[in-house]
Amino acid sequence: MAKDKVSMPQSTGGLIRYFDEYKSTLQMKPGLIIVLVVVVIIISIILHTYGKTMLGLP
């Protein structure tokens, strides 16, 4: 009796490694991203709290 078996390629099994295919010209360290996010959060809090008075809005 024949067995119903699905055979896949032995080397990758359908997995693709995308990081080998694309290299970005813009390289940033993770610490810089965290600092930028914290700065944006602080600016957002300051504008939410004091924004109307800073911009002269009623």
PDB file of N, CA and C in Angstrom:
ATOM      1  N   MET A   1       0.819  -1.181   0.000  1.00  0.00           N
ATOM      2  CA  MET A   1       0.000   0.000   0.000  1.00  0.00           C
ATOM      3  C   MET A   1       0.870   1.254   0.000  1.00  0.00           C
ATOM      4  N   ALA A   2       0.477   2.220  -0.780  1.00  0.00           N
ATOM      5  CA  ALA A   2       1.254   3.457  -0.858  1.00  0.00           C
ATOM      6  C   ALA A   2       0.877   4.377   0.298  1.00  0.00           C
ATOM      7  N   LYS A   3       1.874   5.046   0.835  1.00  0.00           N
ATOM      8  CA  LYS A   3       1.626   5.994   1.928  1.00  0.00           C
ATOM      9  C   LYS A   3       1.434   7.390   1.345  1.00  0.00           C
ATOM     10  N   ASP A   4       0.413   8.099   1.833  1.00  0.00           N
ATOM     11  CA  ASP A   4       0.212   9.491   1.412  1.00  0.00           C
ATOM     12  C   ASP A   4       1.125  10.373   2.252  1.00  0.00           C
ATOM     13  N   LYS A   5       2.177  10.808   1.648  1.00  0.00           N
ATOM     14  CA  LYS A   5       3.183  11.562   2.372  1.00  0.00           C
ATOM     15  C   LYS A   5       3.506  12.833   1.598  1.00  0.00           C
ATOM     16  N   VAL A   6       3.606  13.945   2.301  1.00  0.00           N
ATOM     17  CA  VAL A   6       3.992  15.198   1.669  1.00  0.00           C
ATOM     18  C   VAL A   6       5.477  15.385   1.914  1.00  0.00           C
ATOM     19  N   SER A   7       6.225  15.512   0.833  1.00  0.00           N
ATOM     20  CA  SER A   7       7.657  15.727   1.004  1.00  0.00           C
ATOM     21  C   SER A   7       7.980  17.194   0.763  1.00  0.00           C
ATOM     22  N   MET A   8       8.796  17.725   1.642  1.00  0.00           N
ATOM     23  CA  MET A   8       9.206  19.124   1.542  1.00  0.00           C
ATOM     24  C   MET A   8      10.709  19.169   1.306  1.00  0.00           C
ATOM     25  N   PRO A   9      11.184  20.290   0.803  1.00  0.00           N
ATOM     26  CA  PRO A   9      12.635  20.415   0.634  1.00  0.00           C
ATOM     27  C   PRO A   9      13.343  20.254   1.980  1.00  0.00           C
ATOM     28  N   GLN A  10      14.412  19.549   1.974  1.00  0.00           N
ATOM     29  CA  GLN A  10      15.104  19.249   3.218  1.00  0.00           C
ATOM     30  C   GLN A  10      15.866  20.444   3.783  1.00  0.00           C
ATOM     31  N   SER A  11      16.267  21.364   2.934  1.00  0.00           N
ATOM     32  CA  SER A  11      17.141  22.433   3.419  1.00  0.00           C
ATOM     33  C   SER A  11      16.390  23.527   4.166  1.00  0.00           C
ATOM     34  N   THR A  12      15.253  24.005   3.648  1.00  0.00           N
ATOM     35  CA  THR A  12      14.598  25.142   4.282  1.00  0.00           C
ATOM     36  C   THR A  12      13.207  24.836   4.794  1.00  0.00           C
ATOM     37  N   GLY A  13      12.502  23.937   4.227  1.00  0.00           N
ATOM     38  CA  GLY A  13      11.153  23.622   4.651  1.00  0.00           C
ATOM     39  C   GLY A  13      10.189  24.774   4.443  1.00  0.00           C
ATOM     40  N   GLY A  14      10.446  25.629   3.469  1.00  0.00           N
ATOM     41  CA  GLY A  14       9.555  26.744   3.175  1.00  0.00           C
ATOM     42  C   GLY A  14       9.892  28.021   3.918  1.00  0.00           C
ATOM     43  N   LEU A  15      10.927  28.022   4.715  1.00  0.00           N
ATOM     44  CA  LEU A  15      11.295  29.225   5.464  1.00  0.00           C
ATOM     45  C   LEU A  15      12.188  30.115   4.613  1.00  0.00           C
ATOM     46  N   ILE A  16      11.965  31.410   4.706  1.00  0.00           N
ATOM     47  CA  ILE A  16      12.762  32.375   3.944  1.00  0.00           C
ATOM     48  C   ILE A  16      13.430  33.317   4.928  1.00  0.00           C
ATOM     49  N   ARG A  17      14.680  33.581   4.720  1.00  0.00           N
ATOM     50  CA  ARG A  17      15.419  34.495   5.583  1.00  0.00           C
ATOM     51  C   ARG A  17      15.486  35.854   4.903  1.00  0.00           C
ATOM     52  N   TYR A  18      14.625  36.772   5.331  1.00  0.00           N
ATOM     53  CA  TYR A  18      14.536  38.073   4.685  1.00  0.00           C
ATOM     54  C   TYR A  18      15.692  39.000   5.053  1.00  0.00           C
ATOM     55  N   PHE A  19      16.296  38.826   6.224  1.00  0.00           N
ATOM     56  CA  PHE A  19      17.351  39.741   6.622  1.00  0.00           C
ATOM     57  C   PHE A  19      18.582  39.624   5.742  1.00  0.00           C
ATOM     58  N   ASP A  20      18.736  38.533   5.028  1.00  0.00           N
ATOM     59  CA  ASP A  20      19.860  38.404   4.111  1.00  0.00           C
ATOM     60  C   ASP A  20      19.618  39.149   2.804  1.00  0.00           C
ATOM     61  N   GLU A  21      18.356  39.414   2.482  1.00  0.00           N
ATOM     62  CA  GLU A  21      18.030  39.998   1.192  1.00  0.00           C
ATOM     63  C   GLU A  21      18.034  41.521   1.188  1.00  0.00           C
ATOM     64  N   TYR A  22      17.857  42.164   2.339  1.00  0.00           N
ATOM     65  CA  TYR A  22      17.707  43.615   2.368  1.00  0.00           C
ATOM     66  C   TYR A  22      18.658  44.218   3.387  1.00  0.00           C
ATOM     67  N   LYS A  23      19.447  45.162   2.937  1.00  0.00           N
ATOM     68  CA  LYS A  23      20.338  45.898   3.823  1.00  0.00           C
ATOM     69  C   LYS A  23      19.981  47.370   3.751  1.00  0.00           C
ATOM     70  N   SER A  24      19.664  47.963   4.878  1.00  0.00           N
ATOM     71  CA  SER A  24      19.297  49.371   4.929  1.00  0.00           C
ATOM     72  C   SER A  24      20.562  50.221   4.994  1.00  0.00           C
ATOM     73  N   THR A  25      20.504  51.384   4.371  1.00  0.00           N
ATOM     74  CA  THR A  25      21.639  52.298   4.446  1.00  0.00           C
ATOM     75  C   THR A  25      21.590  53.117   5.722  1.00  0.00           C
ATOM     76  N   LEU A  26      20.424  53.179   6.364  1.00  0.00           N
ATOM     77  CA  LEU A  26      20.252  53.932   7.598  1.00  0.00           C
ATOM     78  C   LEU A  26      20.341  52.967   8.778  1.00  0.00           C
ATOM     79  N   GLN A  27      21.414  53.047   9.520  1.00  0.00           N
ATOM     80  CA  GLN A  27      21.621  52.171  10.668  1.00  0.00           C
ATOM     81  C   GLN A  27      21.488  52.984  11.949  1.00  0.00           C
ATOM     82  N   MET A  28      20.634  52.535  12.874  1.00  0.00           N
ATOM     83  CA  MET A  28      20.442  53.217  14.154  1.00  0.00           C
ATOM     84  C   MET A  28      20.581  52.202  15.281  1.00  0.00           C
ATOM     85  N   LYS A  29      21.129  52.665  16.387  1.00  0.00           N
ATOM     86  CA  LYS A  29      21.247  51.806  17.552  1.00  0.00           C
ATOM     87  C   LYS A  29      19.919  51.805  18.309  1.00  0.00           C
ATOM     88  N   PRO A  30      19.594  50.714  18.981  1.00  0.00           N
ATOM     89  CA  PRO A  30      18.332  50.648  19.729  1.00  0.00           C
ATOM     90  C   PRO A  30      18.238  51.696  20.832  1.00  0.00           C
ATOM     91  N   GLY A  31      19.354  52.054  21.452  1.00  0.00           N
ATOM     92  CA  GLY A  31      19.347  53.069  22.505  1.00  0.00           C
ATOM     93  C   GLY A  31      18.897  54.419  21.991  1.00  0.00           C
ATOM     94  N   LEU A  32      19.269  54.759  20.767  1.00  0.00           N
ATOM     95  CA  LEU A  32      18.864  56.029  20.170  1.00  0.00           C
ATOM     96  C   LEU A  32      17.359  56.059  19.943  1.00  0.00           C
ATOM     97  N   ILE A  33      16.791  54.961  19.525  1.00  0.00           N
ATOM     98  CA  ILE A  33      15.345  54.883  19.313  1.00  0.00           C
ATOM     99  C   ILE A  33      14.608  55.087  20.631  1.00  0.00           C
ATOM    100  N   ILE A  34      15.092  54.476  21.704  1.00  0.00           N
ATOM    101  CA  ILE A  34      14.456  54.625  23.015  1.00  0.00           C
ATOM    102  C   ILE A  34      14.526  56.070  23.476  1.00  0.00           C
ATOM    103  N   VAL A  35      15.668  56.721  23.296  1.00  0.00           N
ATOM    104  CA  VAL A  35      15.812  58.127  23.684  1.00  0.00           C
ATOM    105  C   VAL A  35      14.865  59.001  22.879  1.00  0.00           C
ATOM    106  N   LEU A  36      14.747  58.772  21.587  1.00  0.00           N
ATOM    107  CA  LEU A  36      13.839  59.564  20.756  1.00  0.00           C
ATOM    108  C   LEU A  36      12.386  59.379  21.178  1.00  0.00           C
ATOM    109  N   VAL A  37      11.999  58.164  21.519  1.00  0.00           N
ATOM    110  CA  VAL A  37      10.629  57.912  21.975  1.00  0.00           C
ATOM    111  C   VAL A  37      10.360  58.634  23.287  1.00  0.00           C
ATOM    112  N   VAL A  38      11.306  58.603  24.217  1.00  0.00           N
ATOM    113  CA  VAL A  38      11.137  59.296  25.496  1.00  0.00           C
ATOM    114  C   VAL A  38      11.027  60.799  25.278  1.00  0.00           C
ATOM    115  N   VAL A  39      11.828  61.360  24.388  1.00  0.00           N
ATOM    116  CA  VAL A  39      11.764  62.797  24.096  1.00  0.00           C
ATOM    117  C   VAL A  39      10.408  63.161  23.506  1.00  0.00           C
ATOM    118  N   VAL A  40       9.895  62.361  22.598  1.00  0.00           N
ATOM    119  CA  VAL A  40       8.581  62.636  22.001  1.00  0.00           C
ATOM    120  C   VAL A  40       7.484  62.555  23.058  1.00  0.00           C
ATOM    121  N   ILE A  41       7.574  61.600  23.973  1.00  0.00           N
ATOM    122  CA  ILE A  41       6.579  61.488  25.046  1.00  0.00           C
ATOM    123  C   ILE A  41       6.630  62.706  25.955  1.00  0.00           C
ATOM    124  N   ILE A  42       7.824  63.160  26.310  1.00  0.00           N
ATOM    125  CA  ILE A  42       7.960  64.334  27.181  1.00  0.00           C
ATOM    126  C   ILE A  42       7.416  65.576  26.494  1.00  0.00           C
ATOM    127  N   ILE A  43       7.729  65.764  25.219  1.00  0.00           N
ATOM    128  CA  ILE A  43       7.209  66.917  24.475  1.00  0.00           C
ATOM    129  C   ILE A  43       5.692  66.847  24.395  1.00  0.00           C
ATOM    130  N   SER A  44       5.151  65.670  24.194  1.00  0.00           N
ATOM    131  CA  SER A  44       3.698  65.509  24.126  1.00  0.00           C
ATOM    132  C   SER A  44       3.035  65.861  25.455  1.00  0.00           C
ATOM    133  N   ILE A  45       3.620  65.441  26.564  1.00  0.00           N
ATOM    134  CA  ILE A  45       3.067  65.764  27.884  1.00  0.00           C
ATOM    135  C   ILE A  45       3.144  67.262  28.147  1.00  0.00           C
ATOM    136  N   ILE A  46       4.264  67.885  27.802  1.00  0.00           N
ATOM    137  CA  ILE A  46       4.412  69.334  28.003  1.00  0.00           C
ATOM    138  C   ILE A  46       3.404  70.095  27.164  1.00  0.00           C
ATOM    139  N   LEU A  47       3.229  69.719  25.910  1.00  0.00           N
ATOM    140  CA  LEU A  47       2.264  70.411  25.057  1.00  0.00           C
ATOM    141  C   LEU A  47       0.830  70.178  25.526  1.00  0.00           C
ATOM    142  N   HIS A  48       0.542  69.000  26.013  1.00  0.00           N
ATOM    143  CA  HIS A  48      -0.806  68.727  26.517  1.00  0.00           C
ATOM    144  C   HIS A  48      -1.098  69.564  27.765  1.00  0.00           C
ATOM    145  N   THR A  49      -0.088  69.746  28.607  1.00  0.00           N
ATOM    146  CA  THR A  49      -0.280  70.475  29.856  1.00  0.00           C
ATOM    147  C   THR A  49      -0.235  71.985  29.654  1.00  0.00           C
ATOM    148  N   TYR A  50       0.763  72.484  28.945  1.00  0.00           N
ATOM    149  CA  TYR A  50       0.986  73.924  28.828  1.00  0.00           C
ATOM    150  C   TYR A  50       0.805  74.458  27.416  1.00  0.00           C
ATOM    151  N   GLY A  51       0.301  73.674  26.502  1.00  0.00           N
ATOM    152  CA  GLY A  51       0.244  74.057  25.095  1.00  0.00           C
ATOM    153  C   GLY A  51      -0.611  75.267  24.802  1.00  0.00           C
ATOM    154  N   LYS A  52      -1.775  75.356  25.435  1.00  0.00           N
ATOM    155  CA  LYS A  52      -2.663  76.485  25.163  1.00  0.00           C
ATOM    156  C   LYS A  52      -2.040  77.798  25.605  1.00  0.00           C
ATOM    157  N   THR A  53      -1.405  77.814  26.760  1.00  0.00           N
ATOM    158  CA  THR A  53      -0.790  79.062  27.225  1.00  0.00           C
ATOM    159  C   THR A  53       0.452  79.403  26.409  1.00  0.00           C
ATOM    160  N   MET A  54       1.175  78.395  25.963  1.00  0.00           N
ATOM    161  CA  MET A  54       2.376  78.657  25.164  1.00  0.00           C
ATOM    162  C   MET A  54       2.014  79.217  23.795  1.00  0.00           C
ATOM    163  N   LEU A  55       0.895  78.752  23.235  1.00  0.00           N
ATOM    164  CA  LEU A  55       0.481  79.215  21.912  1.00  0.00           C
ATOM    165  C   LEU A  55      -0.444  80.422  21.975  1.00  0.00           C
ATOM    166  N   GLY A  56      -0.837  80.841  23.177  1.00  0.00           N
ATOM    167  CA  GLY A  56      -1.688  82.011  23.331  1.00  0.00           C
ATOM    168  C   GLY A  56      -3.136  81.766  22.965  1.00  0.00           C
ATOM    169  N   LEU A  57      -3.596  80.539  23.084  1.00  0.00           N
ATOM    170  CA  LEU A  57      -4.984  80.214  22.767  1.00  0.00           C
ATOM    171  C   LEU A  57      -5.846  80.367  24.018  1.00  0.00           C
ATOM    172  N   PRO A  58      -7.121  80.738  23.838  1.00  0.00           N
ATOM    173  CA  PRO A  58      -7.996  80.913  25.014  1.00  0.00           C
ATOM    174  C   PRO A  58      -8.380  79.604  25.665  1.00  0.00           C
TER     175      PRO A  58
END
